[in-house]
Amino acid sequence: MIMLNGWKVPQGKTSQPASNLSARQFIVSLCDDDATEGAYPQDPGALDHPYQGGYYTRLHPVIVAANRYLLANNLIQQGEEIAPCECVYINNRLSTNPASSYYFERWYHLKCLQDLYGWEIANHTERHGSFIEALNDNSIAESDINGCRSKLVNDYGFQIDTLVYPYGYHSHLTRLKVAEQHKCGVCVGGTFAGVGNHNIPPINNYALSRKTIDLMSAANATGDIINPTAALNLLKSYVDSAKNDNGWLITMSHIGGYFWKNYNSLFIDPTYPSEWIIPCPKLPSDWQNSNNHVVPEGWYPYPNSLLDCLYKMIIYIYEQGGKIVLPRDGVDIFGNISTEGDITWGVKGLGADSDSTNYEHIAKGVDGSITAYRS
């Protein structure tokens, strides 16, 4: 028998049907990775255009175009515009010094996307590729997780509430480290309720599941989607699944990949009409002039591209009654009523073979569902 106050529970994990499942709106968080690793410009003039040279810049016009459609069709109101989450790892790839040119522009684009467009910037650790070394080493975990967050906040001016585990790797140690200074941690699978596509209560704040929308196998060598209808239907099926469970879908993407289309194919006319060549803002004062970073009214994603599928997926989410939220806000919406015991309960770390699958806990979800374990 489960006793919330006495905390006496049977061995194993249990749950009960949610009492208000149908009353909760399903939500989606768009979570793109590796902002600071974006592809280098393909020609000397590329940095003069604000939508080139990095993952984050490629996503921005898609979000702007989607917001325009949602507003025009009364699917959202002014002040409800959507924004994604962009994951940043440092590894000497950001700079606040204008003399650093490319690294400076990377940093300042992200800063303005946060400050002017409401994007969430997430911690993706200091070293990324070597993060597996942190899974069982306290000093490395501290440096990679909290040390990186400190730099992102204090040196670069980002508000950091979320950590996204590189490659999905995590362990009990790293989850506890994330819990010290972050609201949530995002992995690839791992929550007790919702392993796979999406999260449903009770949630584990530090092992939130997400689903990839990097459909590499759907694209040819030039990035064209071979069967756009099938690709879009697959993305829609993820939305449908979250809707059916009134769950929280968190997506994973790497929009710098060839399968998202290289920047020369972002627009219908890859030669860029002269009115679309907008000087890249380089100084804080430049960003105060909206003409310096406007997305043309006639812009829309290149047909038969994964960007186009993403654009249509965003619209579909709202047509189905869902809502796009930042991860930091999703935790507030779906957070548990109570959690006692180990806050990283009920998961097994990816890449950490010695990590236990269960830690003593009892958690009550926002919808009344319960998970518990006591050895």
Protein backbone atom coordinates (compact mmCIF):
# COMPACT_ATOMS: atom_id res chain seq x y z
CA MET A 1 0.00 0.00 0.00
CA ILE A 2 1.23 3.49 -0.82
CA MET A 3 1.27 5.91 2.11
CA LEU A 4 2.19 9.43 1.06
CA ASN A 5 2.83 10.64 4.57
CA GLY A 6 4.28 7.50 6.09
CA TRP A 7 6.17 6.83 2.87
CA LYS A 8 5.81 3.08 3.22
CA VAL A 9 5.60 1.59 -0.24
CA PRO A 10 5.94 -1.85 -1.77
CA GLN A 11 9.13 -2.78 -3.57
CA GLY A 12 8.80 -1.81 -7.20
CA LYS A 13 7.20 1.06 -9.06
CA THR A 14 3.48 1.71 -9.08
CA SER A 15 1.14 4.22 -10.66
CA GLN A 16 -2.53 5.05 -10.64
CA PRO A 17 -4.68 6.61 -13.38
CA ALA A 18 -4.65 10.38 -13.45
CA SER A 19 -7.80 12.01 -12.15
CA ASN A 20 -7.71 15.05 -14.44
CA LEU A 21 -5.83 13.78 -17.47
CA SER A 22 -8.28 15.17 -20.00
CA ALA A 23 -8.19 18.61 -18.45
CA ARG A 24 -4.50 19.16 -19.10
CA GLN A 25 -3.34 20.69 -22.38
CA PHE A 26 -0.51 18.83 -24.08
CA ILE A 27 2.68 20.83 -24.54
CA VAL A 28 5.76 20.69 -26.77
CA SER A 29 9.28 22.09 -26.31
CA LEU A 30 11.53 22.59 -29.34
CA CYS A 31 15.08 21.84 -28.21
CA ASP A 32 17.89 22.33 -30.75
CA ASP A 33 21.48 21.30 -30.03
CA ASP A 34 25.02 22.60 -30.42
CA ALA A 35 24.53 26.29 -31.18
CA THR A 36 28.23 27.00 -30.84
CA GLU A 37 29.26 24.35 -33.34
CA GLY A 38 27.50 25.75 -36.40
CA ALA A 39 28.98 25.17 -39.84
CA TYR A 40 31.54 27.70 -41.02
CA PRO A 41 30.45 30.15 -43.75
CA GLN A 42 30.81 28.84 -47.28
CA ASP A 43 31.85 32.18 -48.77
CA PRO A 44 33.55 35.33 -47.44
CA GLY A 45 30.34 37.32 -47.47
CA ALA A 46 28.23 34.82 -45.58
CA LEU A 47 28.67 36.54 -42.22
CA ASP A 48 26.96 39.60 -43.65
CA HIS A 49 23.72 37.64 -43.64
CA PRO A 50 22.15 36.96 -40.22
CA TYR A 51 20.77 33.50 -41.02
CA GLN A 52 24.03 31.73 -41.82
CA GLY A 53 26.99 30.18 -40.09
CA GLY A 54 25.26 28.39 -37.21
CA TYR A 55 22.45 26.16 -36.07
CA TYR A 56 20.61 28.87 -34.18
CA THR A 57 20.51 31.32 -37.06
CA ARG A 58 19.00 28.70 -39.35
CA LEU A 59 16.12 28.09 -36.94
CA HIS A 60 15.25 31.73 -36.30
CA PRO A 61 13.40 32.51 -39.57
CA VAL A 62 11.37 29.29 -39.25
CA ILE A 63 10.13 30.42 -35.83
CA VAL A 64 9.36 33.93 -37.12
CA ALA A 65 7.44 32.57 -40.11
CA ALA A 66 5.49 30.16 -37.88
CA ASN A 67 4.58 32.96 -35.47
CA ARG A 68 3.27 35.04 -38.36
CA TYR A 69 1.03 32.19 -39.51
CA LEU A 70 -0.21 31.41 -35.99
CA LEU A 71 -1.06 35.07 -35.36
CA ALA A 72 -2.74 35.56 -38.73
CA ASN A 73 -4.94 32.52 -38.17
CA ASN A 74 -5.81 33.35 -34.55
CA LEU A 75 -4.07 30.27 -33.20
CA ILE A 76 -2.09 32.51 -30.84
CA GLN A 77 -2.52 36.10 -29.68
CA GLN A 78 -0.01 38.91 -29.48
CA GLY A 79 2.33 38.17 -26.60
CA GLU A 80 1.98 34.39 -27.06
CA GLU A 81 4.63 34.03 -29.77
CA ILE A 82 6.57 30.78 -29.59
CA ALA A 83 10.30 30.43 -28.98
CA PRO A 84 12.63 27.41 -28.97
CA CYS A 85 15.42 26.31 -26.66
CA GLU A 86 18.99 26.35 -28.00
CA CYS A 87 21.66 24.24 -26.28
CA VAL A 88 25.11 25.80 -25.92
CA TYR A 89 28.44 24.25 -25.08
CA ILE A 90 31.46 26.50 -24.71
CA ASN A 91 34.71 24.69 -25.58
CA ASN A 92 36.29 28.05 -26.52
CA ARG A 93 33.65 28.68 -29.20
CA LEU A 94 32.07 31.83 -27.75
CA SER A 95 33.59 35.25 -27.19
CA THR A 96 32.38 38.64 -25.96
CA ASN A 97 35.33 40.31 -27.69
CA PRO A 98 34.38 41.86 -31.08
CA ALA A 99 37.94 41.23 -32.26
CA SER A 100 37.17 37.52 -32.14
CA SER A 101 34.81 38.06 -35.07
CA TYR A 102 33.10 34.72 -35.72
CA TYR A 103 32.97 33.56 -32.08
CA PHE A 104 31.76 37.00 -31.05
CA GLU A 105 28.96 36.93 -33.60
CA ARG A 106 27.92 33.48 -32.44
CA TRP A 107 27.65 34.72 -28.88
CA TYR A 108 25.87 37.95 -29.72
CA HIS A 109 23.30 36.33 -31.99
CA LEU A 110 22.38 33.95 -29.16
CA LYS A 111 22.27 36.79 -26.64
CA CYS A 112 19.89 38.78 -28.83
CA LEU A 113 17.72 35.76 -29.57
CA GLN A 114 17.37 35.37 -25.80
CA ASP A 115 16.85 39.04 -24.98
CA LEU A 116 14.76 40.13 -27.99
CA TYR A 117 12.93 36.96 -29.05
CA GLY A 118 12.53 35.07 -25.78
CA TRP A 119 14.62 32.02 -26.67
CA GLU A 120 15.78 29.82 -23.81
CA ILE A 121 19.51 29.09 -23.82
CA ALA A 122 20.38 25.74 -22.24
CA ASN A 123 23.63 24.43 -20.80
CA HIS A 124 25.09 21.67 -22.99
CA THR A 125 28.25 21.34 -20.84
CA GLU A 126 31.76 22.65 -21.26
CA ARG A 127 33.37 19.95 -23.39
CA HIS A 128 30.42 18.03 -24.88
CA GLY A 129 32.33 15.28 -26.69
CA SER A 130 34.20 14.25 -23.54
CA PHE A 131 31.21 14.45 -21.21
CA ILE A 132 31.13 10.67 -20.69
CA GLU A 133 34.22 11.17 -18.49
CA ALA A 134 32.03 13.12 -16.06
CA LEU A 135 29.58 10.30 -15.39
CA ASN A 136 31.58 8.85 -12.50
CA ASP A 137 34.05 11.64 -11.70
CA ASN A 138 32.83 14.34 -9.31
CA SER A 139 35.41 16.99 -10.19
CA ILE A 140 34.89 16.62 -13.95
CA ALA A 141 31.11 16.64 -13.48
CA GLU A 142 31.33 19.82 -11.40
CA SER A 143 33.45 21.57 -14.03
CA ASP A 144 31.47 20.37 -17.04
CA ILE A 145 28.04 21.08 -15.55
CA ASN A 146 28.08 23.80 -12.91
CA GLY A 147 31.34 25.35 -14.09
CA CYS A 148 29.91 25.71 -17.59
CA ARG A 149 26.69 27.18 -16.23
CA SER A 150 28.67 29.75 -14.26
CA LYS A 151 30.47 30.90 -17.41
CA LEU A 152 27.29 31.05 -19.46
CA VAL A 153 25.58 33.16 -16.79
CA ASN A 154 28.40 35.37 -15.55
CA ASP A 155 30.60 35.74 -18.64
CA TYR A 156 28.01 35.63 -21.42
CA GLY A 157 24.81 36.92 -19.82
CA PHE A 158 22.54 33.93 -20.40
CA GLN A 159 19.73 32.80 -18.10
CA ILE A 160 20.41 29.10 -17.61
CA ASP A 161 17.70 26.87 -16.11
CA THR A 162 18.03 23.73 -18.27
CA LEU A 163 20.86 21.31 -18.99
CA VAL A 164 20.75 19.01 -22.01
CA TYR A 165 22.99 15.96 -21.61
CA PRO A 166 25.46 15.53 -24.52
CA TYR A 167 24.58 12.37 -26.47
CA GLY A 168 21.99 11.73 -23.77
CA TYR A 169 24.71 10.49 -21.38
CA HIS A 170 23.82 10.85 -17.70
CA SER A 171 24.34 9.10 -14.39
CA HIS A 172 23.15 9.42 -10.80
CA LEU A 173 26.15 11.67 -10.11
CA THR A 174 25.53 14.01 -13.05
CA ARG A 175 21.80 14.20 -12.36
CA LEU A 176 22.53 15.29 -8.79
CA LYS A 177 24.98 17.88 -10.11
CA VAL A 178 22.37 19.23 -12.52
CA ALA A 179 19.85 19.47 -9.69
CA GLU A 180 22.15 21.79 -7.74
CA GLN A 181 21.82 24.74 -10.13
CA HIS A 182 19.26 23.84 -12.82
CA LYS A 183 15.49 23.43 -12.93
CA CYS A 184 15.68 20.42 -15.22
CA GLY A 185 17.89 18.04 -17.20
CA VAL A 186 16.94 16.63 -20.60
CA CYS A 187 18.17 13.25 -21.85
CA VAL A 188 16.98 10.71 -24.42
CA GLY A 189 14.46 8.44 -22.73
CA GLY A 190 14.53 7.83 -19.02
CA THR A 191 11.41 8.99 -17.20
CA PHE A 192 9.34 6.36 -15.42
CA ALA A 193 6.18 7.46 -17.18
CA GLY A 194 6.92 8.36 -20.77
CA VAL A 195 10.03 6.47 -21.84
CA GLY A 196 10.13 7.04 -25.56
CA ASN A 197 8.30 9.85 -27.23
CA HIS A 198 7.12 12.13 -24.44
CA ASN A 199 6.77 12.77 -20.71
CA ILE A 200 3.69 12.25 -18.56
CA PRO A 201 3.40 12.78 -14.80
CA PRO A 202 4.99 12.00 -12.49
CA ILE A 203 8.06 13.51 -14.14
CA ASN A 204 11.69 13.29 -13.19
CA ASN A 205 12.95 16.86 -13.59
CA TYR A 206 16.51 15.69 -14.18
CA ALA A 207 15.87 12.92 -16.71
CA LEU A 208 13.24 14.34 -19.05
CA SER A 209 12.74 12.30 -22.19
CA ARG A 210 12.92 13.79 -25.68
CA LYS A 211 12.38 12.56 -29.21
CA THR A 212 14.62 13.21 -32.18
CA ILE A 213 13.23 14.97 -35.24
CA ASP A 214 16.58 14.65 -37.07
CA LEU A 215 15.24 12.48 -39.88
CA MET A 216 18.59 11.73 -41.50
CA SER A 217 17.36 8.61 -43.26
CA ALA A 218 14.56 10.64 -44.86
CA ALA A 219 16.96 12.96 -46.73
CA ASN A 220 19.23 12.45 -49.71
CA ALA A 221 22.82 13.66 -49.94
CA THR A 222 21.76 17.23 -50.76
CA GLY A 223 19.26 17.45 -47.93
CA ASP A 224 16.07 17.04 -49.95
CA ILE A 225 13.43 14.98 -48.14
CA ILE A 226 12.75 11.95 -50.33
CA ASN A 227 9.13 11.59 -49.21
CA PRO A 228 7.99 14.86 -47.58
CA THR A 229 4.49 13.56 -46.85
CA ALA A 230 5.81 10.55 -44.95
CA ALA A 231 8.33 12.70 -43.05
CA LEU A 232 5.68 15.19 -42.00
CA ASN A 233 3.27 12.41 -41.02
CA LEU A 234 5.98 10.90 -38.80
CA LEU A 235 6.47 14.22 -37.01
CA LYS A 236 2.72 14.60 -36.68
CA SER A 237 2.51 11.12 -35.12
CA TYR A 238 4.79 12.30 -32.30
CA VAL A 239 2.42 15.21 -31.71
CA ASP A 240 -0.61 12.91 -31.83
CA SER A 241 0.95 10.60 -29.26
CA ALA A 242 1.57 13.48 -26.85
CA LYS A 243 -1.95 14.76 -27.43
CA ASN A 244 -3.49 11.35 -26.70
CA ASP A 245 -1.66 11.20 -23.33
CA ASN A 246 -1.91 14.93 -22.61
CA GLY A 247 1.83 14.69 -22.35
CA TRP A 248 4.93 16.84 -22.81
CA LEU A 249 6.89 16.24 -26.01
CA ILE A 250 10.45 17.59 -26.08
CA THR A 251 12.11 17.43 -29.48
CA MET A 252 15.77 16.97 -30.32
CA SER A 253 17.29 18.48 -33.47
CA HIS A 254 20.67 19.44 -34.91
CA ILE A 255 19.63 22.01 -37.47
CA GLY A 256 23.18 22.48 -38.75
CA GLY A 257 23.09 19.03 -40.35
CA TYR A 258 22.93 18.63 -44.12
CA PHE A 259 19.58 16.88 -43.77
CA TRP A 260 18.10 20.22 -42.65
CA LYS A 261 19.36 21.82 -45.88
CA ASN A 262 22.47 23.97 -46.24
CA TYR A 263 21.90 27.69 -46.02
CA ASN A 264 21.95 28.26 -49.78
CA SER A 265 18.67 26.35 -49.98
CA LEU A 266 16.89 28.01 -47.08
CA PHE A 267 14.88 30.32 -49.31
CA ILE A 268 12.90 29.73 -52.48
CA ASP A 269 15.37 31.91 -54.38
CA PRO A 270 18.86 30.86 -53.23
CA THR A 271 20.42 33.84 -54.99
CA TYR A 272 18.99 36.08 -52.24
CA PRO A 273 17.15 39.10 -53.63
CA SER A 274 19.06 42.25 -52.67
CA GLU A 275 16.39 43.36 -50.21
CA TRP A 276 16.95 40.16 -48.24
CA ILE A 277 20.65 40.76 -47.67
CA ILE A 278 20.50 42.32 -44.24
CA PRO A 279 23.71 43.48 -42.52
CA CYS A 280 24.61 41.23 -39.64
CA PRO A 281 24.25 43.16 -36.35
CA LYS A 282 27.60 43.21 -34.57
CA LEU A 283 27.13 45.66 -31.69
CA PRO A 284 24.39 46.08 -29.08
CA SER A 285 23.26 49.32 -30.72
CA ASP A 286 22.80 47.52 -34.07
CA TRP A 287 20.16 45.24 -32.58
CA GLN A 288 18.03 48.16 -31.46
CA ASN A 289 17.28 48.86 -35.14
CA SER A 290 14.67 46.29 -36.13
CA ASN A 291 15.64 46.67 -39.80
CA ASN A 292 18.91 44.95 -38.98
CA HIS A 293 17.37 41.61 -38.10
CA VAL A 294 13.97 41.47 -39.73
CA VAL A 295 12.80 38.32 -41.49
CA PRO A 296 11.18 39.26 -44.83
CA GLU A 297 7.40 38.97 -44.94
CA GLY A 298 7.50 36.68 -47.97
CA TRP A 299 9.90 34.17 -46.42
CA TYR A 300 8.95 30.54 -46.09
CA PRO A 301 11.00 27.32 -45.84
CA TYR A 302 12.38 25.57 -48.89
CA PRO A 303 9.89 22.93 -50.15
CA ASN A 304 10.73 19.27 -49.55
CA SER A 305 13.06 20.20 -46.71
CA LEU A 306 13.00 19.15 -43.08
CA LEU A 307 12.74 22.83 -42.16
CA ASP A 308 9.46 22.90 -44.06
CA CYS A 309 8.29 19.82 -42.14
CA LEU A 310 9.20 21.52 -38.86
CA TYR A 311 7.30 24.65 -39.88
CA LYS A 312 4.20 22.57 -40.65
CA MET A 313 4.65 20.53 -37.45
CA ILE A 314 4.58 23.73 -35.38
CA ILE A 315 1.32 24.79 -37.02
CA TYR A 316 -0.12 21.28 -36.50
CA ILE A 317 0.63 21.43 -32.77
CA TYR A 318 -1.61 24.46 -32.42
CA GLU A 319 -4.28 23.11 -34.75
CA GLN A 320 -4.50 20.11 -32.41
CA GLY A 321 -4.90 22.28 -29.33
CA GLY A 322 -1.33 22.05 -28.05
CA LYS A 323 1.08 24.72 -26.96
CA ILE A 324 4.83 25.26 -27.41
CA VAL A 325 6.66 26.17 -24.20
CA LEU A 326 10.25 26.57 -23.09
CA PRO A 327 11.64 23.64 -21.05
CA ARG A 328 11.94 25.88 -17.98
CA ASP A 329 8.21 26.62 -18.24
CA GLY A 330 7.28 23.02 -18.99
CA VAL A 331 8.71 22.00 -15.63
CA ASP A 332 6.41 24.50 -13.93
CA ILE A 333 3.38 23.18 -15.84
CA PHE A 334 4.13 19.47 -15.38
CA GLY A 335 6.08 19.58 -12.09
CA ASN A 336 5.20 17.07 -9.42
CA ILE A 337 3.00 17.99 -6.48
CA SER A 338 5.55 16.36 -4.19
CA THR A 339 8.73 14.28 -4.36
CA GLU A 340 10.35 12.68 -1.35
CA GLY A 341 13.61 10.77 -1.27
CA ASP A 342 16.03 10.75 -4.18
CA ILE A 343 15.16 13.49 -6.65
CA THR A 344 16.67 11.56 -9.58
CA TRP A 345 14.49 8.54 -9.04
CA GLY A 346 13.57 5.74 -11.39
CA VAL A 347 16.08 6.01 -14.21
CA LYS A 348 19.22 4.30 -15.42
CA GLY A 349 21.96 6.51 -16.75
CA LEU A 350 23.00 6.19 -20.38
CA GLY A 351 26.67 5.26 -20.57
CA ALA A 352 26.92 4.56 -16.82
CA ASP A 353 26.73 0.79 -16.41
CA SER A 354 27.07 0.90 -12.64
CA ASP A 355 24.15 3.28 -12.23
CA SER A 356 21.23 1.76 -10.35
CA THR A 357 17.84 1.73 -12.03
CA ASN A 358 16.00 2.64 -8.84
CA TYR A 359 16.48 5.07 -5.98
CA GLU A 360 14.21 5.31 -2.97
CA HIS A 361 11.52 7.87 -3.61
CA ILE A 362 7.85 8.61 -3.74
CA ALA A 363 6.62 11.16 -6.25
CA LYS A 364 3.10 12.44 -6.81
CA GLY A 365 2.46 13.86 -10.28
CA VAL A 366 0.51 17.01 -11.06
CA ASP A 367 -2.38 14.83 -12.28
CA GLY A 368 -2.50 12.62 -9.20
CA SER A 369 -0.42 9.73 -10.56
CA ILE A 370 2.17 8.23 -8.23
CA THR A 371 5.48 6.45 -8.62
CA ALA A 372 7.36 4.92 -5.70
CA TYR A 373 10.24 2.65 -4.86
CA ARG A 374 11.81 1.43 -1.64
CA SER A 375 14.46 -1.25 -1.52
